[in-house]
Amino acid sequence: MPPRRSYDQYCSAARALDVVGDRWTLLIVRELLAGPRRYTDLHADLPGVSTDVLASRLKDMERDGLSTRRRLPPPGAAFVYELTPRGRELLPVLQALGEWGRSGLGERRPTDAVRAHWFALPLLRLLDGDGLVEVSLEEGLFHLHAGAGEGPVYGDGPAPGEPDARLALDTATCTAIARGELSLSHAVRAGRVEVSGEGALAKALRET
């Protein structure tokens, strides 16, 4: 494998960008925060990336200790990619980038792809407490592991088990929350987010 390009600057920000500054790397991290993913699933949820670039970035991430590749046991027998503990440390970096970039969302362009789980990180940042949350949008279902220590931060589809809270909202409301134009608590009070469930998170949201 060719040597990694470097800014050759004795600066922690430059060193970090040596590792994650290439196009697509942080978005691959975003996808792997959902847990182990197959190459085909990653490619499907990263519209616009070429197969060559995706394969190259995954190799770079393995080399730099951000992710690993392993084979699932039978009957799966497919290779999956997953984050290392060092890779998972990028969660607050992605959340900070998302908060900084939310003013640039603007209106959705006709060419903009969207996946329901892309709203996971903005919502996760706003949830106060620990627990499993299932979110229903027009685009589909996803779930969040609020306060997760290890393991997946979010995932596609229904929650694995009984969630502590279920949130149902339309995409316009979720977009307004992601942009910072509407707080989650205000959306709940205004009836734009339907909260169900008997867990502590659900009760806290209903009481906001």
C-alpha atoms as a PDB file:
ATOM      1  CA  MET A   1       0.000   0.000   0.000  1.00  0.00           C
ATOM      2  CA  PRO A   2       1.398   3.443  -0.882  1.00  0.00           C
ATOM      3  CA  PRO A   3       2.447   5.628   2.049  1.00  0.00           C
ATOM      4  CA  ARG A   4      -0.185   7.898   3.501  1.00  0.00           C
ATOM      5  CA  ARG A   5      -0.043  11.487   2.363  1.00  0.00           C
ATOM      6  CA  SER A   6       0.752  13.930   5.126  1.00  0.00           C
ATOM      7  CA  TYR A   7       0.626  17.655   5.669  1.00  0.00           C
ATOM      8  CA  ASP A   8       3.989  17.241   7.444  1.00  0.00           C
ATOM      9  CA  GLN A   9       2.975  19.738  10.098  1.00  0.00           C
ATOM     10  CA  TYR A  10       3.615  19.249  13.814  1.00  0.00           C
ATOM     11  CA  CYS A  11       0.042  20.101  14.751  1.00  0.00           C
ATOM     12  CA  SER A  12      -2.638  17.795  16.173  1.00  0.00           C
ATOM     13  CA  ALA A  13      -5.285  19.141  13.775  1.00  0.00           C
ATOM     14  CA  ALA A  14      -2.996  18.465  10.818  1.00  0.00           C
ATOM     15  CA  ARG A  15      -2.232  14.979  12.127  1.00  0.00           C
ATOM     16  CA  ALA A  16      -5.953  14.274  12.463  1.00  0.00           C
ATOM     17  CA  LEU A  17      -6.593  15.486   8.921  1.00  0.00           C
ATOM     18  CA  ASP A  18      -3.792  13.227   7.687  1.00  0.00           C
ATOM     19  CA  VAL A  19      -6.066  10.362   8.771  1.00  0.00           C
ATOM     20  CA  VAL A  20      -9.645  11.571   8.208  1.00  0.00           C
ATOM     21  CA  GLY A  21      -9.254  14.495   5.832  1.00  0.00           C
ATOM     22  CA  ASP A  22      -9.764  12.562   2.606  1.00  0.00           C
ATOM     23  CA  ARG A  23     -13.130  12.836   0.867  1.00  0.00           C
ATOM     24  CA  TRP A  24     -15.654  10.205   2.060  1.00  0.00           C
ATOM     25  CA  THR A  25     -13.701   9.011   5.113  1.00  0.00           C
ATOM     26  CA  LEU A  26     -15.851  10.699   7.746  1.00  0.00           C
ATOM     27  CA  LEU A  27     -19.040   9.687   5.947  1.00  0.00           C
ATOM     28  CA  ILE A  28     -17.869   6.069   6.035  1.00  0.00           C
ATOM     29  CA  VAL A  29     -17.361   6.534   9.784  1.00  0.00           C
ATOM     30  CA  ARG A  30     -20.923   7.895  10.002  1.00  0.00           C
ATOM     31  CA  GLU A  31     -22.224   4.705   8.394  1.00  0.00           C
ATOM     32  CA  LEU A  32     -20.085   2.398  10.539  1.00  0.00           C
ATOM     33  CA  LEU A  33     -21.397   4.018  13.715  1.00  0.00           C
ATOM     34  CA  ALA A  34     -24.440   1.839  12.994  1.00  0.00           C
ATOM     35  CA  GLY A  35     -22.316  -1.238  13.655  1.00  0.00           C
ATOM     36  CA  PRO A  36     -20.773  -3.815  11.305  1.00  0.00           C
ATOM     37  CA  ARG A  37     -21.676  -3.199   7.653  1.00  0.00           C
ATOM     38  CA  ARG A  38     -21.093  -5.155   4.487  1.00  0.00           C
ATOM     39  CA  TYR A  39     -19.329  -3.467   1.594  1.00  0.00           C
ATOM     40  CA  THR A  40     -22.490  -3.568  -0.545  1.00  0.00           C
ATOM     41  CA  ASP A  41     -24.541  -1.939   2.223  1.00  0.00           C
ATOM     42  CA  LEU A  42     -21.955   0.804   2.659  1.00  0.00           C
ATOM     43  CA  HIS A  43     -21.932   1.472  -1.065  1.00  0.00           C
ATOM     44  CA  ALA A  44     -25.729   1.658  -1.150  1.00  0.00           C
ATOM     45  CA  ASP A  45     -25.832   4.218   1.678  1.00  0.00           C
ATOM     46  CA  LEU A  46     -23.041   6.379   0.270  1.00  0.00           C
ATOM     47  CA  PRO A  47     -24.585   7.500  -3.027  1.00  0.00           C
ATOM     48  CA  GLY A  48     -21.988   9.105  -5.267  1.00  0.00           C
ATOM     49  CA  VAL A  49     -18.925   7.194  -4.094  1.00  0.00           C
ATOM     50  CA  SER A  50     -17.224   4.980  -6.657  1.00  0.00           C
ATOM     51  CA  THR A  51     -16.390   1.379  -5.806  1.00  0.00           C
ATOM     52  CA  ASP A  52     -12.672   2.107  -6.246  1.00  0.00           C
ATOM     53  CA  VAL A  53     -12.714   5.076  -3.889  1.00  0.00           C
ATOM     54  CA  LEU A  54     -14.758   3.226  -1.269  1.00  0.00           C
ATOM     55  CA  ALA A  55     -12.404   0.240  -1.351  1.00  0.00           C
ATOM     56  CA  SER A  56      -9.396   2.565  -1.097  1.00  0.00           C
ATOM     57  CA  ARG A  57     -10.819   4.501   1.858  1.00  0.00           C
ATOM     58  CA  LEU A  58     -11.678   1.299   3.711  1.00  0.00           C
ATOM     59  CA  LYS A  59      -8.117   0.051   3.261  1.00  0.00           C
ATOM     60  CA  ASP A  60      -6.776   3.385   4.510  1.00  0.00           C
ATOM     61  CA  MET A  61      -9.045   3.234   7.537  1.00  0.00           C
ATOM     62  CA  GLU A  62      -7.857  -0.279   8.379  1.00  0.00           C
ATOM     63  CA  ARG A  63      -4.250   0.786   8.047  1.00  0.00           C
ATOM     64  CA  ASP A  64      -4.807   3.805  10.291  1.00  0.00           C
ATOM     65  CA  GLY A  65      -6.570   1.804  12.987  1.00  0.00           C
ATOM     66  CA  LEU A  66     -10.038   3.302  12.495  1.00  0.00           C
ATOM     67  CA  SER A  67     -11.772   0.143  11.322  1.00  0.00           C
ATOM     68  CA  THR A  68     -11.331  -3.591  10.953  1.00  0.00           C
ATOM     69  CA  ARG A  69     -12.657  -6.207   8.555  1.00  0.00           C
ATOM     70  CA  ARG A  70     -13.860  -9.644   9.631  1.00  0.00           C
ATOM     71  CA  ARG A  71     -15.814 -12.530   8.178  1.00  0.00           C
ATOM     72  CA  LEU A  72     -19.203 -13.360   9.643  1.00  0.00           C
ATOM     73  CA  PRO A  73     -19.716 -16.968  10.747  1.00  0.00           C
ATOM     74  CA  PRO A  74     -21.921 -19.251   8.616  1.00  0.00           C
ATOM     75  CA  PRO A  75     -24.518 -18.998   7.246  1.00  0.00           C
ATOM     76  CA  GLY A  76     -23.613 -15.328   6.618  1.00  0.00           C
ATOM     77  CA  ALA A  77     -19.968 -15.895   5.655  1.00  0.00           C
ATOM     78  CA  ALA A  78     -19.707 -12.330   4.326  1.00  0.00           C
ATOM     79  CA  PHE A  79     -17.035  -9.797   5.229  1.00  0.00           C
ATOM     80  CA  VAL A  80     -18.121  -6.829   7.326  1.00  0.00           C
ATOM     81  CA  TYR A  81     -16.371  -3.627   8.312  1.00  0.00           C
ATOM     82  CA  GLU A  82     -16.630  -2.132  11.776  1.00  0.00           C
ATOM     83  CA  LEU A  83     -15.078   0.681  13.762  1.00  0.00           C
ATOM     84  CA  THR A  84     -12.325   0.196  16.294  1.00  0.00           C
ATOM     85  CA  PRO A  85     -12.511   2.048  19.622  1.00  0.00           C
ATOM     86  CA  ARG A  86     -10.347   4.752  18.030  1.00  0.00           C
ATOM     87  CA  GLY A  87     -12.771   5.024  15.144  1.00  0.00           C
ATOM     88  CA  ARG A  88     -15.704   5.325  17.541  1.00  0.00           C
ATOM     89  CA  GLU A  89     -13.978   8.291  19.171  1.00  0.00           C
ATOM     90  CA  LEU A  90     -14.927  10.231  16.037  1.00  0.00           C
ATOM     91  CA  LEU A  91     -18.605  10.336  17.093  1.00  0.00           C
ATOM     92  CA  PRO A  92     -18.335  13.705  18.894  1.00  0.00           C
ATOM     93  CA  VAL A  93     -16.265  15.022  15.960  1.00  0.00           C
ATOM     94  CA  LEU A  94     -19.065  14.144  13.538  1.00  0.00           C
ATOM     95  CA  GLN A  95     -21.671  15.591  15.872  1.00  0.00           C
ATOM     96  CA  ALA A  96     -19.713  18.839  16.171  1.00  0.00           C
ATOM     97  CA  LEU A  97     -19.314  18.996  12.387  1.00  0.00           C
ATOM     98  CA  GLY A  98     -23.030  18.381  11.972  1.00  0.00           C
ATOM     99  CA  GLU A  99     -23.887  21.162  14.396  1.00  0.00           C
ATOM    100  CA  TRP A 100     -21.447  23.531  12.679  1.00  0.00           C
ATOM    101  CA  GLY A 101     -22.788  22.624   9.241  1.00  0.00           C
ATOM    102  CA  ARG A 102     -26.498  22.680   9.980  1.00  0.00           C
ATOM    103  CA  SER A 103     -26.855  26.286   8.812  1.00  0.00           C
ATOM    104  CA  GLY A 104     -25.711  25.113   5.383  1.00  0.00           C
ATOM    105  CA  LEU A 105     -28.522  22.591   4.962  1.00  0.00           C
ATOM    106  CA  GLY A 106     -30.973  25.066   3.463  1.00  0.00           C
ATOM    107  CA  GLU A 107     -33.711  23.604   1.322  1.00  0.00           C
ATOM    108  CA  ARG A 108     -33.235  20.099   0.025  1.00  0.00           C
ATOM    109  CA  ARG A 109     -32.027  20.180  -3.577  1.00  0.00           C
ATOM    110  CA  PRO A 110     -33.519  17.885  -6.236  1.00  0.00           C
ATOM    111  CA  THR A 111     -30.150  16.131  -6.514  1.00  0.00           C
ATOM    112  CA  ASP A 112     -29.774  15.566  -2.754  1.00  0.00           C
ATOM    113  CA  ALA A 113     -29.944  11.953  -1.627  1.00  0.00           C
ATOM    114  CA  VAL A 114     -31.443  11.244   1.791  1.00  0.00           C
ATOM    115  CA  ARG A 115     -31.551   8.264   4.107  1.00  0.00           C
ATOM    116  CA  ALA A 116     -33.705   8.167   7.235  1.00  0.00           C
ATOM    117  CA  HIS A 117     -30.760   7.229   9.457  1.00  0.00           C
ATOM    118  CA  TRP A 118     -28.838  10.347   8.429  1.00  0.00           C
ATOM    119  CA  PHE A 119     -31.049  12.170  10.933  1.00  0.00           C
ATOM    120  CA  ALA A 120     -29.785   9.906  13.713  1.00  0.00           C
ATOM    121  CA  LEU A 121     -26.757  11.936  14.782  1.00  0.00           C
ATOM    122  CA  PRO A 122     -28.587  15.305  15.057  1.00  0.00           C
ATOM    123  CA  LEU A 123     -31.360  13.682  17.099  1.00  0.00           C
ATOM    124  CA  LEU A 124     -28.905  11.766  19.245  1.00  0.00           C
ATOM    125  CA  ARG A 125     -27.222  15.006  20.223  1.00  0.00           C
ATOM    126  CA  LEU A 126     -30.545  16.357  21.525  1.00  0.00           C
ATOM    127  CA  LEU A 127     -31.630  13.376  23.612  1.00  0.00           C
ATOM    128  CA  ASP A 128     -30.939  13.797  27.304  1.00  0.00           C
ATOM    129  CA  GLY A 129     -30.602  10.397  28.931  1.00  0.00           C
ATOM    130  CA  ASP A 130     -29.808   6.783  28.152  1.00  0.00           C
ATOM    131  CA  GLY A 131     -31.956   4.298  26.342  1.00  0.00           C
ATOM    132  CA  LEU A 132     -33.216   2.848  23.089  1.00  0.00           C
ATOM    133  CA  VAL A 133     -35.304   5.138  20.884  1.00  0.00           C
ATOM    134  CA  GLU A 134     -37.214   4.179  17.741  1.00  0.00           C
ATOM    135  CA  VAL A 135     -37.849   6.957  15.205  1.00  0.00           C
ATOM    136  CA  SER A 136     -40.462   6.834  12.447  1.00  0.00           C
ATOM    137  CA  LEU A 137     -40.175   9.092   9.381  1.00  0.00           C
ATOM    138  CA  GLU A 138     -41.729   8.924   5.915  1.00  0.00           C
ATOM    139  CA  GLU A 139     -38.390   7.618   4.636  1.00  0.00           C
ATOM    140  CA  GLY A 140     -38.466   4.724   7.074  1.00  0.00           C
ATOM    141  CA  LEU A 141     -37.670   3.585  10.578  1.00  0.00           C
ATOM    142  CA  PHE A 142     -34.388   3.830  12.435  1.00  0.00           C
ATOM    143  CA  HIS A 143     -33.341   3.546  16.042  1.00  0.00           C
ATOM    144  CA  LEU A 144     -30.896   5.279  18.352  1.00  0.00           C
ATOM    145  CA  HIS A 145     -28.893   4.049  21.312  1.00  0.00           C
ATOM    146  CA  ALA A 146     -28.827   7.182  23.446  1.00  0.00           C
ATOM    147  CA  GLY A 147     -25.897   7.228  25.825  1.00  0.00           C
ATOM    148  CA  ALA A 148     -24.345   4.166  24.195  1.00  0.00           C
ATOM    149  CA  GLY A 149     -20.942   3.283  25.595  1.00  0.00           C
ATOM    150  CA  GLU A 150     -19.849   0.554  23.240  1.00  0.00           C
ATOM    151  CA  GLY A 151     -21.557  -0.966  20.235  1.00  0.00           C
ATOM    152  CA  PRO A 152     -23.745   0.631  17.571  1.00  0.00           C
ATOM    153  CA  VAL A 153     -24.914   4.205  18.046  1.00  0.00           C
ATOM    154  CA  TYR A 154     -27.894   3.831  15.720  1.00  0.00           C
ATOM    155  CA  GLY A 155     -29.322   1.395  13.204  1.00  0.00           C
ATOM    156  CA  ASP A 156     -31.786   1.041  10.340  1.00  0.00           C
ATOM    157  CA  GLY A 157     -35.202  -0.454  10.918  1.00  0.00           C
ATOM    158  CA  PRO A 158     -37.172  -1.150  14.091  1.00  0.00           C
ATOM    159  CA  ALA A 159     -35.490  -1.137  17.475  1.00  0.00           C
ATOM    160  CA  PRO A 160     -34.004  -4.491  18.515  1.00  0.00           C
ATOM    161  CA  GLY A 161     -36.266  -5.065  21.483  1.00  0.00           C
ATOM    162  CA  GLU A 162     -38.735  -2.866  23.307  1.00  0.00           C
ATOM    163  CA  PRO A 163     -37.620   0.773  22.965  1.00  0.00           C
ATOM    164  CA  ASP A 164     -37.641   3.198  25.869  1.00  0.00           C
ATOM    165  CA  ALA A 165     -39.340   5.727  23.602  1.00  0.00           C
ATOM    166  CA  ARG A 166     -40.898   5.878  20.150  1.00  0.00           C
ATOM    167  CA  LEU A 167     -40.872   9.123  18.180  1.00  0.00           C
ATOM    168  CA  ALA A 168     -43.092   9.683  15.139  1.00  0.00           C
ATOM    169  CA  LEU A 169     -42.594  12.844  13.112  1.00  0.00           C
ATOM    170  CA  ASP A 170     -42.617  14.037   9.538  1.00  0.00           C
ATOM    171  CA  THR A 171     -39.486  14.788   7.577  1.00  0.00           C
ATOM    172  CA  ALA A 172     -40.156  18.532   7.565  1.00  0.00           C
ATOM    173  CA  THR A 173     -40.135  18.573  11.370  1.00  0.00           C
ATOM    174  CA  CYS A 174     -37.042  16.402  11.563  1.00  0.00           C
ATOM    175  CA  THR A 175     -35.295  18.652   9.042  1.00  0.00           C
ATOM    176  CA  ALA A 176     -36.202  21.761  11.055  1.00  0.00           C
ATOM    177  CA  ILE A 177     -34.761  20.102  14.170  1.00  0.00           C
ATOM    178  CA  ALA A 178     -31.593  19.099  12.293  1.00  0.00           C
ATOM    179  CA  ARG A 179     -31.182  22.679  11.020  1.00  0.00           C
ATOM    180  CA  GLY A 180     -31.527  24.073  14.538  1.00  0.00           C
ATOM    181  CA  GLU A 181     -34.716  25.968  13.636  1.00  0.00           C
ATOM    182  CA  LEU A 182     -36.840  23.951  16.063  1.00  0.00           C
ATOM    183  CA  SER A 183     -35.912  22.329  19.363  1.00  0.00           C
ATOM    184  CA  LEU A 184     -36.993  18.782  20.063  1.00  0.00           C
ATOM    185  CA  SER A 185     -38.810  19.818  23.230  1.00  0.00           C
ATOM    186  CA  HIS A 186     -40.727  22.567  21.398  1.00  0.00           C
ATOM    187  CA  ALA A 187     -41.648  20.135  18.622  1.00  0.00           C
ATOM    188  CA  VAL A 188     -43.050  17.724  21.222  1.00  0.00           C
ATOM    189  CA  ARG A 189     -45.049  20.480  22.949  1.00  0.00           C
ATOM    190  CA  ALA A 190     -46.392  21.669  19.591  1.00  0.00           C
ATOM    191  CA  GLY A 191     -47.604  18.189  18.728  1.00  0.00           C
ATOM    192  CA  ARG A 192     -45.203  17.847  15.811  1.00  0.00           C
ATOM    193  CA  VAL A 193     -43.468  14.877  17.443  1.00  0.00           C
ATOM    194  CA  GLU A 194     -45.621  12.068  18.798  1.00  0.00           C
ATOM    195  CA  VAL A 195     -43.944  10.380  21.780  1.00  0.00           C
ATOM    196  CA  SER A 196     -45.001   6.956  23.005  1.00  0.00           C
ATOM    197  CA  GLY A 197     -43.472   4.450  25.400  1.00  0.00           C
ATOM    198  CA  GLU A 198     -43.124   4.088  29.142  1.00  0.00           C
ATOM    199  CA  GLY A 199     -39.358   4.407  29.501  1.00  0.00           C
ATOM    200  CA  ALA A 200     -37.613   7.261  31.283  1.00  0.00           C
ATOM    201  CA  LEU A 201     -36.722   8.924  27.981  1.00  0.00           C
ATOM    202  CA  ALA A 202     -40.334   8.923  26.796  1.00  0.00           C
ATOM    203  CA  LYS A 203     -41.560  10.329  30.093  1.00  0.00           C
ATOM    204  CA  ALA A 204     -38.875  13.041  30.090  1.00  0.00           C
ATOM    205  CA  LEU A 205     -39.785  14.078  26.544  1.00  0.00           C
ATOM    206  CA  ARG A 206     -43.493  14.274  27.347  1.00  0.00           C
ATOM    207  CA  GLU A 207     -42.741  16.399  30.384  1.00  0.00           C
ATOM    208  CA  THR A 208     -40.575  18.959  28.549  1.00  0.00           C
END
